[in-house]
Amino acid sequence: MKKILIFTATYNEKNNIQKVISKIKKKCNRANILVVDDNSPDGTAELVKKIIKKSKNNKIKLIVRNKKKGLDTAHKLAYKYALEKKFDYLITMDADLSHDPAEIPNFLKYLSNNDFVLGSRYMKGGRNELSFLRFLLSYFGNKFIKYTLNLDFTEFTSAYRGFNLKKMKKFNLRMINSNGYSFFMETIYQINKFKYKSFEIPIIFATRKQGKSKIPKIEIIRTLFNVVRLYFKDK
């Protein structure tokens, strides 16, 4: 039986994390869950500790970092942890309920025959529930990435993705140089360069019900810069 790790990064997600963990356990009770918290001032880590204490099994792991170090470094830490603990599959997702844990069985289904599985809002069957302006920025931003880098994907910025670690021997998130949210774009770029077998599945990206979005406006400029950087890197 495959060893499964489901990872989410948190910063001020006290109002969401209990629901996320509960939904994950309902959809894949045999999976291990890793939460990396960046010292949330709202007490997210303390709540996760209480959940772990009440849990009947030892499948929830919490790593608390001493300050906010960024989403990209949290994902790299999770990837390192998954390799060290010899997991077969790693599934990453947001902690604000924008990613529905009900999709986890679909990720597992397609990971059995693929190296990398990506949840896409922009393929047939997918949906993005962002506000109109944020939707336009996301939609055309993903189109810009697709055609500039000539990549056969419909989505590049979603963190809902699965890795078949046993098949991706040459790849590691440590090799990704982009920071912030453009980290997700470059991950797909590098996976494509290695010619790993990838598969997209449609997802519904829901608007967060609790808390505030943490995407700074500088990320738009940073992503544009990194797309151009990768474009000229291979020229």
C-alpha atoms as a PDB file:
ATOM      1  CA  MET A   1       0.000   0.000   0.000  1.00  0.00           C
ATOM      2  CA  LYS A   2       1.295   3.456  -0.958  1.00  0.00           C
ATOM      3  CA  LYS A   3       2.424   5.865   1.752  1.00  0.00           C
ATOM      4  CA  ILE A   4       0.587   9.169   1.295  1.00  0.00           C
ATOM      5  CA  LEU A   5       1.468  12.582   2.704  1.00  0.00           C
ATOM      6  CA  ILE A   6      -0.923  15.514   2.381  1.00  0.00           C
ATOM      7  CA  PHE A   7       0.652  18.874   3.114  1.00  0.00           C
ATOM      8  CA  THR A   8      -0.675  22.346   3.781  1.00  0.00           C
ATOM      9  CA  ALA A   9       1.059  25.547   4.895  1.00  0.00           C
ATOM     10  CA  THR A  10      -0.622  27.863   7.385  1.00  0.00           C
ATOM     11  CA  TYR A  11      -0.428  31.455   8.489  1.00  0.00           C
ATOM     12  CA  ASN A  12      -3.431  32.753  10.434  1.00  0.00           C
ATOM     13  CA  GLU A  13      -5.709  29.878   9.401  1.00  0.00           C
ATOM     14  CA  LYS A  14      -7.219  29.137  12.831  1.00  0.00           C
ATOM     15  CA  ASN A  15     -10.747  29.461  11.412  1.00  0.00           C
ATOM     16  CA  ASN A  16     -10.084  26.964   8.607  1.00  0.00           C
ATOM     17  CA  ILE A  17      -7.486  24.400   9.629  1.00  0.00           C
ATOM     18  CA  GLN A  18      -9.744  22.175  11.739  1.00  0.00           C
ATOM     19  CA  LYS A  19     -12.216  21.839   8.856  1.00  0.00           C
ATOM     20  CA  VAL A  20      -9.390  21.155   6.402  1.00  0.00           C
ATOM     21  CA  ILE A  21      -7.916  18.372   8.536  1.00  0.00           C
ATOM     22  CA  SER A  22     -11.343  16.856   9.180  1.00  0.00           C
ATOM     23  CA  LYS A  23     -12.214  16.827   5.470  1.00  0.00           C
ATOM     24  CA  ILE A  24      -8.835  15.316   4.541  1.00  0.00           C
ATOM     25  CA  LYS A  25      -9.295  12.506   7.066  1.00  0.00           C
ATOM     26  CA  LYS A  26     -12.787  11.762   5.737  1.00  0.00           C
ATOM     27  CA  LYS A  27     -11.563  11.482   2.163  1.00  0.00           C
ATOM     28  CA  CYS A  28      -8.311   9.607   2.878  1.00  0.00           C
ATOM     29  CA  ASN A  29      -8.072   8.387   6.437  1.00  0.00           C
ATOM     30  CA  ARG A  30      -4.902   6.379   5.751  1.00  0.00           C
ATOM     31  CA  ALA A  31      -2.975   9.483   4.650  1.00  0.00           C
ATOM     32  CA  ASN A  32      -0.522  11.314   6.870  1.00  0.00           C
ATOM     33  CA  ILE A  33      -1.026  15.066   7.217  1.00  0.00           C
ATOM     34  CA  LEU A  34       1.776  17.626   7.506  1.00  0.00           C
ATOM     35  CA  VAL A  35       1.060  21.205   8.605  1.00  0.00           C
ATOM     36  CA  VAL A  36       3.844  23.785   8.389  1.00  0.00           C
ATOM     37  CA  ASP A  37       2.909  26.909  10.338  1.00  0.00           C
ATOM     38  CA  ASP A  38       4.873  30.163  10.184  1.00  0.00           C
ATOM     39  CA  ASN A  39       4.275  31.156  13.820  1.00  0.00           C
ATOM     40  CA  SER A  40       0.717  32.378  13.193  1.00  0.00           C
ATOM     41  CA  PRO A  41      -0.240  35.081  15.717  1.00  0.00           C
ATOM     42  CA  ASP A  42      -3.879  33.920  15.665  1.00  0.00           C
ATOM     43  CA  GLY A  43      -3.019  30.620  17.370  1.00  0.00           C
ATOM     44  CA  THR A  44      -3.267  28.264  14.392  1.00  0.00           C
ATOM     45  CA  ALA A  45      -0.411  26.088  15.671  1.00  0.00           C
ATOM     46  CA  GLU A  46      -1.931  25.797  19.139  1.00  0.00           C
ATOM     47  CA  LEU A  47      -5.184  24.575  17.614  1.00  0.00           C
ATOM     48  CA  VAL A  48      -3.354  21.982  15.496  1.00  0.00           C
ATOM     49  CA  LYS A  49      -1.566  20.763  18.628  1.00  0.00           C
ATOM     50  CA  LYS A  50      -4.964  20.230  20.284  1.00  0.00           C
ATOM     51  CA  ILE A  51      -6.184  18.326  17.226  1.00  0.00           C
ATOM     52  CA  ILE A  52      -3.098  16.101  17.340  1.00  0.00           C
ATOM     53  CA  LYS A  53      -3.600  15.457  21.046  1.00  0.00           C
ATOM     54  CA  LYS A  54      -7.214  14.384  20.473  1.00  0.00           C
ATOM     55  CA  SER A  55      -6.363  12.304  17.410  1.00  0.00           C
ATOM     56  CA  LYS A  56      -6.635   8.537  17.816  1.00  0.00           C
ATOM     57  CA  ASN A  57      -3.715   7.920  15.499  1.00  0.00           C
ATOM     58  CA  ASN A  58      -0.312   9.491  15.025  1.00  0.00           C
ATOM     59  CA  LYS A  59      -0.771  10.632  11.434  1.00  0.00           C
ATOM     60  CA  ILE A  60      -0.743  14.406  11.893  1.00  0.00           C
ATOM     61  CA  LYS A  61       2.597  16.213  12.043  1.00  0.00           C
ATOM     62  CA  LEU A  62       3.046  19.902  12.869  1.00  0.00           C
ATOM     63  CA  ILE A  63       6.197  21.892  12.120  1.00  0.00           C
ATOM     64  CA  VAL A  64       6.227  25.439  13.524  1.00  0.00           C
ATOM     65  CA  ARG A  65       8.768  27.875  12.126  1.00  0.00           C
ATOM     66  CA  ASN A  66       9.878  30.905  14.126  1.00  0.00           C
ATOM     67  CA  LYS A  67       8.624  33.503  11.641  1.00  0.00           C
ATOM     68  CA  LYS A  68       6.881  33.965   8.310  1.00  0.00           C
ATOM     69  CA  LYS A  69       9.341  32.505   5.803  1.00  0.00           C
ATOM     70  CA  GLY A  70       7.190  32.226   2.706  1.00  0.00           C
ATOM     71  CA  LEU A  71       5.037  29.676   0.956  1.00  0.00           C
ATOM     72  CA  ASP A  72       7.797  28.477  -1.356  1.00  0.00           C
ATOM     73  CA  THR A  73      10.109  27.514   1.513  1.00  0.00           C
ATOM     74  CA  ALA A  74       7.244  25.727   3.276  1.00  0.00           C
ATOM     75  CA  HIS A  75       6.669  23.585   0.182  1.00  0.00           C
ATOM     76  CA  LYS A  76      10.378  22.814  -0.084  1.00  0.00           C
ATOM     77  CA  LEU A  77      10.382  21.758   3.558  1.00  0.00           C
ATOM     78  CA  ALA A  78       7.378  19.487   2.961  1.00  0.00           C
ATOM     79  CA  TYR A  79       9.048  17.896  -0.067  1.00  0.00           C
ATOM     80  CA  LYS A  80      12.223  17.261   1.959  1.00  0.00           C
ATOM     81  CA  TYR A  81      10.173  15.759   4.792  1.00  0.00           C
ATOM     82  CA  ALA A  82       8.277  13.497   2.363  1.00  0.00           C
ATOM     83  CA  LEU A  83      11.508  12.174   0.871  1.00  0.00           C
ATOM     84  CA  GLU A  84      13.155  11.624   4.257  1.00  0.00           C
ATOM     85  CA  LYS A  85      10.128   9.716   5.557  1.00  0.00           C
ATOM     86  CA  LYS A  86       9.980   7.689   2.322  1.00  0.00           C
ATOM     87  CA  PHE A  87       6.467   8.608   1.251  1.00  0.00           C
ATOM     88  CA  ASP A  88       5.312   7.433  -2.171  1.00  0.00           C
ATOM     89  CA  TYR A  89       2.885  10.279  -2.879  1.00  0.00           C
ATOM     90  CA  LEU A  90       2.895  13.924  -1.814  1.00  0.00           C
ATOM     91  CA  ILE A  91      -0.237  16.027  -2.285  1.00  0.00           C
ATOM     92  CA  THR A  92      -0.023  19.763  -1.578  1.00  0.00           C
ATOM     93  CA  MET A  93      -3.001  22.040  -1.030  1.00  0.00           C
ATOM     94  CA  ASP A  94      -4.034  25.401   0.441  1.00  0.00           C
ATOM     95  CA  ALA A  95      -5.294  25.609   4.006  1.00  0.00           C
ATOM     96  CA  ASP A  96      -8.106  28.125   3.417  1.00  0.00           C
ATOM     97  CA  LEU A  97     -10.643  25.639   1.947  1.00  0.00           C
ATOM     98  CA  SER A  98     -10.177  27.069  -1.547  1.00  0.00           C
ATOM     99  CA  HIS A  99      -9.038  23.540  -2.464  1.00  0.00           C
ATOM    100  CA  ASP A 100     -11.684  20.907  -1.809  1.00  0.00           C
ATOM    101  CA  PRO A 101     -10.264  17.802  -0.086  1.00  0.00           C
ATOM    102  CA  ALA A 102     -12.963  15.831  -1.919  1.00  0.00           C
ATOM    103  CA  GLU A 103     -10.592  15.873  -4.919  1.00  0.00           C
ATOM    104  CA  ILE A 104      -7.899  13.890  -3.058  1.00  0.00           C
ATOM    105  CA  PRO A 105      -9.168  10.481  -4.327  1.00  0.00           C
ATOM    106  CA  ASN A 106      -8.862  11.815  -7.904  1.00  0.00           C
ATOM    107  CA  PHE A 107      -5.269  12.874  -7.305  1.00  0.00           C
ATOM    108  CA  LEU A 108      -4.469   9.425  -5.917  1.00  0.00           C
ATOM    109  CA  LYS A 109      -6.201   7.729  -8.832  1.00  0.00           C
ATOM    110  CA  TYR A 110      -4.113   9.533 -11.442  1.00  0.00           C
ATOM    111  CA  LEU A 111      -0.864   9.466  -9.479  1.00  0.00           C
ATOM    112  CA  SER A 112      -0.852   5.689  -9.876  1.00  0.00           C
ATOM    113  CA  ASN A 113      -0.168   6.127 -13.602  1.00  0.00           C
ATOM    114  CA  ASN A 114       1.531   9.542 -13.699  1.00  0.00           C
ATOM    115  CA  ASP A 115       4.543  11.280 -12.201  1.00  0.00           C
ATOM    116  CA  PHE A 116       2.837  14.604 -11.541  1.00  0.00           C
ATOM    117  CA  VAL A 117      -0.848  15.554 -11.234  1.00  0.00           C
ATOM    118  CA  LEU A 118      -1.984  19.173 -11.329  1.00  0.00           C
ATOM    119  CA  GLY A 119      -5.339  20.597 -10.276  1.00  0.00           C
ATOM    120  CA  SER A 120      -6.487  23.133 -12.872  1.00  0.00           C
ATOM    121  CA  ARG A 121      -9.164  25.806 -12.656  1.00  0.00           C
ATOM    122  CA  TYR A 122      -8.873  26.586 -16.348  1.00  0.00           C
ATOM    123  CA  MET A 123      -9.397  23.256 -18.066  1.00  0.00           C
ATOM    124  CA  LYS A 124     -12.793  21.865 -19.037  1.00  0.00           C
ATOM    125  CA  GLY A 125     -14.728  21.059 -15.870  1.00  0.00           C
ATOM    126  CA  GLY A 126     -12.710  23.440 -13.690  1.00  0.00           C
ATOM    127  CA  ARG A 127     -13.991  26.649 -12.163  1.00  0.00           C
ATOM    128  CA  ASN A 128     -12.515  29.738 -10.534  1.00  0.00           C
ATOM    129  CA  GLU A 129     -14.700  31.573  -7.997  1.00  0.00           C
ATOM    130  CA  LEU A 130     -12.383  34.554  -7.529  1.00  0.00           C
ATOM    131  CA  SER A 131     -13.732  38.091  -7.795  1.00  0.00           C
ATOM    132  CA  PHE A 132     -13.915  39.405 -11.356  1.00  0.00           C
ATOM    133  CA  LEU A 133     -10.699  41.476 -11.216  1.00  0.00           C
ATOM    134  CA  ARG A 134      -8.660  38.731  -9.520  1.00  0.00           C
ATOM    135  CA  PHE A 135     -10.089  36.213 -11.988  1.00  0.00           C
ATOM    136  CA  LEU A 136      -8.941  38.316 -14.951  1.00  0.00           C
ATOM    137  CA  LEU A 137      -5.438  38.709 -13.491  1.00  0.00           C
ATOM    138  CA  SER A 138      -5.195  34.984 -12.809  1.00  0.00           C
ATOM    139  CA  TYR A 139      -6.688  33.844 -16.104  1.00  0.00           C
ATOM    140  CA  PHE A 140      -4.600  36.059 -18.381  1.00  0.00           C
ATOM    141  CA  GLY A 141      -1.530  35.563 -16.193  1.00  0.00           C
ATOM    142  CA  ASN A 142      -1.767  31.820 -16.739  1.00  0.00           C
ATOM    143  CA  LYS A 143      -2.258  32.368 -20.479  1.00  0.00           C
ATOM    144  CA  PHE A 144       0.855  34.551 -20.542  1.00  0.00           C
ATOM    145  CA  ILE A 145       2.894  31.834 -18.806  1.00  0.00           C
ATOM    146  CA  LYS A 146       1.549  29.109 -21.101  1.00  0.00           C
ATOM    147  CA  TYR A 147       2.391  30.830 -24.383  1.00  0.00           C
ATOM    148  CA  THR A 148       5.598  32.542 -23.298  1.00  0.00           C
ATOM    149  CA  LEU A 149       7.167  29.323 -22.007  1.00  0.00           C
ATOM    150  CA  ASN A 150       5.390  27.064 -24.526  1.00  0.00           C
ATOM    151  CA  LEU A 151       4.052  24.678 -21.889  1.00  0.00           C
ATOM    152  CA  ASP A 152       1.204  22.257 -22.506  1.00  0.00           C
ATOM    153  CA  PHE A 153      -0.722  23.029 -19.306  1.00  0.00           C
ATOM    154  CA  THR A 154      -3.765  25.173 -18.563  1.00  0.00           C
ATOM    155  CA  GLU A 155      -2.812  26.105 -14.984  1.00  0.00           C
ATOM    156  CA  PHE A 156       0.493  27.153 -13.419  1.00  0.00           C
ATOM    157  CA  THR A 157      -0.336  28.965 -10.181  1.00  0.00           C
ATOM    158  CA  SER A 158      -2.442  26.416  -8.324  1.00  0.00           C
ATOM    159  CA  ALA A 159      -0.858  24.815  -5.255  1.00  0.00           C
ATOM    160  CA  TYR A 160      -3.205  21.820  -5.488  1.00  0.00           C
ATOM    161  CA  ARG A 161      -0.900  19.216  -6.985  1.00  0.00           C
ATOM    162  CA  GLY A 162       0.389  15.700  -6.491  1.00  0.00           C
ATOM    163  CA  PHE A 163       3.886  14.216  -6.815  1.00  0.00           C
ATOM    164  CA  ASN A 164       4.708  10.557  -7.389  1.00  0.00           C
ATOM    165  CA  LEU A 165       7.971  10.731  -5.471  1.00  0.00           C
ATOM    166  CA  LYS A 166       9.219   7.262  -6.410  1.00  0.00           C
ATOM    167  CA  LYS A 167       9.053   8.130 -10.104  1.00  0.00           C
ATOM    168  CA  MET A 168      10.552  11.628  -9.873  1.00  0.00           C
ATOM    169  CA  LYS A 169      14.066  10.625  -8.868  1.00  0.00           C
ATOM    170  CA  LYS A 170      15.823  13.468 -10.701  1.00  0.00           C
ATOM    171  CA  PHE A 171      13.514  16.222  -9.467  1.00  0.00           C
ATOM    172  CA  ASN A 172      13.536  18.129  -6.189  1.00  0.00           C
ATOM    173  CA  LEU A 173      11.827  21.369  -5.185  1.00  0.00           C
ATOM    174  CA  ARG A 174      15.196  22.621  -3.950  1.00  0.00           C
ATOM    175  CA  MET A 175      16.135  23.330  -7.569  1.00  0.00           C
ATOM    176  CA  ILE A 176      13.368  25.931  -7.931  1.00  0.00           C
ATOM    177  CA  ASN A 177      14.885  29.426  -7.804  1.00  0.00           C
ATOM    178  CA  SER A 178      11.729  31.540  -8.016  1.00  0.00           C
ATOM    179  CA  ASN A 179      10.325  32.864  -4.757  1.00  0.00           C
ATOM    180  CA  GLY A 180       6.785  33.593  -3.656  1.00  0.00           C
ATOM    181  CA  TYR A 181       3.899  32.456  -5.803  1.00  0.00           C
ATOM    182  CA  SER A 182       5.983  32.304  -8.995  1.00  0.00           C
ATOM    183  CA  PHE A 183       7.595  29.297  -7.304  1.00  0.00           C
ATOM    184  CA  PHE A 184       4.559  27.263  -8.436  1.00  0.00           C
ATOM    185  CA  MET A 185       5.007  28.366 -12.040  1.00  0.00           C
ATOM    186  CA  GLU A 186       8.689  27.431 -12.153  1.00  0.00           C
ATOM    187  CA  THR A 187       7.972  24.048 -10.566  1.00  0.00           C
ATOM    188  CA  ILE A 188       5.862  23.105 -13.573  1.00  0.00           C
ATOM    189  CA  TYR A 189       8.484  24.542 -15.920  1.00  0.00           C
ATOM    190  CA  GLN A 190      11.188  22.327 -14.404  1.00  0.00           C
ATOM    191  CA  ILE A 191       8.983  19.223 -14.292  1.00  0.00           C
ATOM    192  CA  ASN A 192       8.267  19.736 -17.986  1.00  0.00           C
ATOM    193  CA  LYS A 193      12.007  20.015 -18.738  1.00  0.00           C
ATOM    194  CA  PHE A 194      12.551  16.607 -17.139  1.00  0.00           C
ATOM    195  CA  LYS A 195       9.755  15.256 -19.359  1.00  0.00           C
ATOM    196  CA  TYR A 196       7.917  13.650 -16.481  1.00  0.00           C
ATOM    197  CA  LYS A 197       4.512  12.239 -17.279  1.00  0.00           C
ATOM    198  CA  SER A 198       2.015  14.864 -16.144  1.00  0.00           C
ATOM    199  CA  PHE A 199      -1.758  14.954 -15.968  1.00  0.00           C
ATOM    200  CA  GLU A 200      -4.233  17.763 -15.236  1.00  0.00           C
ATOM    201  CA  ILE A 201      -7.526  17.282 -13.448  1.00  0.00           C
ATOM    202  CA  PRO A 202     -10.264  19.924 -13.127  1.00  0.00           C
ATOM    203  CA  ILE A 203     -10.775  21.559  -9.752  1.00  0.00           C
ATOM    204  CA  ILE A 204     -13.091  24.221  -8.378  1.00  0.00           C
ATOM    205  CA  PHE A 205     -11.176  27.030  -6.704  1.00  0.00           C
ATOM    206  CA  ALA A 206     -13.513  28.403  -4.037  1.00  0.00           C
ATOM    207  CA  THR A 207     -13.301  31.852  -2.491  1.00  0.00           C
ATOM    208  CA  ARG A 208     -12.096  31.788   1.090  1.00  0.00           C
ATOM    209  CA  LYS A 209     -14.894  32.018   3.657  1.00  0.00           C
ATOM    210  CA  GLN A 210     -12.689  32.965   6.626  1.00  0.00           C
ATOM    211  CA  GLY A 211      -9.608  35.182   6.917  1.00  0.00           C
ATOM    212  CA  LYS A 212      -7.904  37.361   4.329  1.00  0.00           C
ATOM    213  CA  SER A 213      -5.950  36.595   1.180  1.00  0.00           C
ATOM    214  CA  LYS A 214      -2.196  36.815   1.730  1.00  0.00           C
ATOM    215  CA  ILE A 215      -1.109  37.362  -1.886  1.00  0.00           C
ATOM    216  CA  PRO A 216       0.828  40.665  -2.051  1.00  0.00           C
ATOM    217  CA  LYS A 217       0.494  42.760  -5.216  1.00  0.00           C
ATOM    218  CA  ILE A 218       4.259  42.521  -5.755  1.00  0.00           C
ATOM    219  CA  GLU A 219       3.724  38.869  -6.713  1.00  0.00           C
ATOM    220  CA  ILE A 220       2.295  39.919 -10.086  1.00  0.00           C
ATOM    221  CA  ILE A 221       5.495  41.787 -10.962  1.00  0.00           C
ATOM    222  CA  ARG A 222       7.680  39.021  -9.526  1.00  0.00           C
ATOM    223  CA  THR A 223       5.925  36.357 -11.585  1.00  0.00           C
ATOM    224  CA  LEU A 224       6.232  38.382 -14.808  1.00  0.00           C
ATOM    225  CA  PHE A 225       9.937  38.842 -14.120  1.00  0.00           C
ATOM    226  CA  ASN A 226      10.487  35.135 -13.490  1.00  0.00           C
ATOM    227  CA  VAL A 227       8.591  34.109 -16.629  1.00  0.00           C
ATOM    228  CA  VAL A 228      10.802  36.389 -18.726  1.00  0.00           C
ATOM    229  CA  ARG A 229      13.888  35.112 -16.888  1.00  0.00           C
ATOM    230  CA  LEU A 230      13.041  31.495 -17.709  1.00  0.00           C
ATOM    231  CA  TYR A 231      12.211  32.402 -21.307  1.00  0.00           C
ATOM    232  CA  PHE A 232      15.659  33.875 -21.933  1.00  0.00           C
ATOM    233  CA  LYS A 233      17.429  31.220 -19.854  1.00  0.00           C
ATOM    234  CA  ASP A 234      16.895  28.615 -22.577  1.00  0.00           C
ATOM    235  CA  LYS A 235      17.594  30.903 -25.511  1.00  0.00           C
END
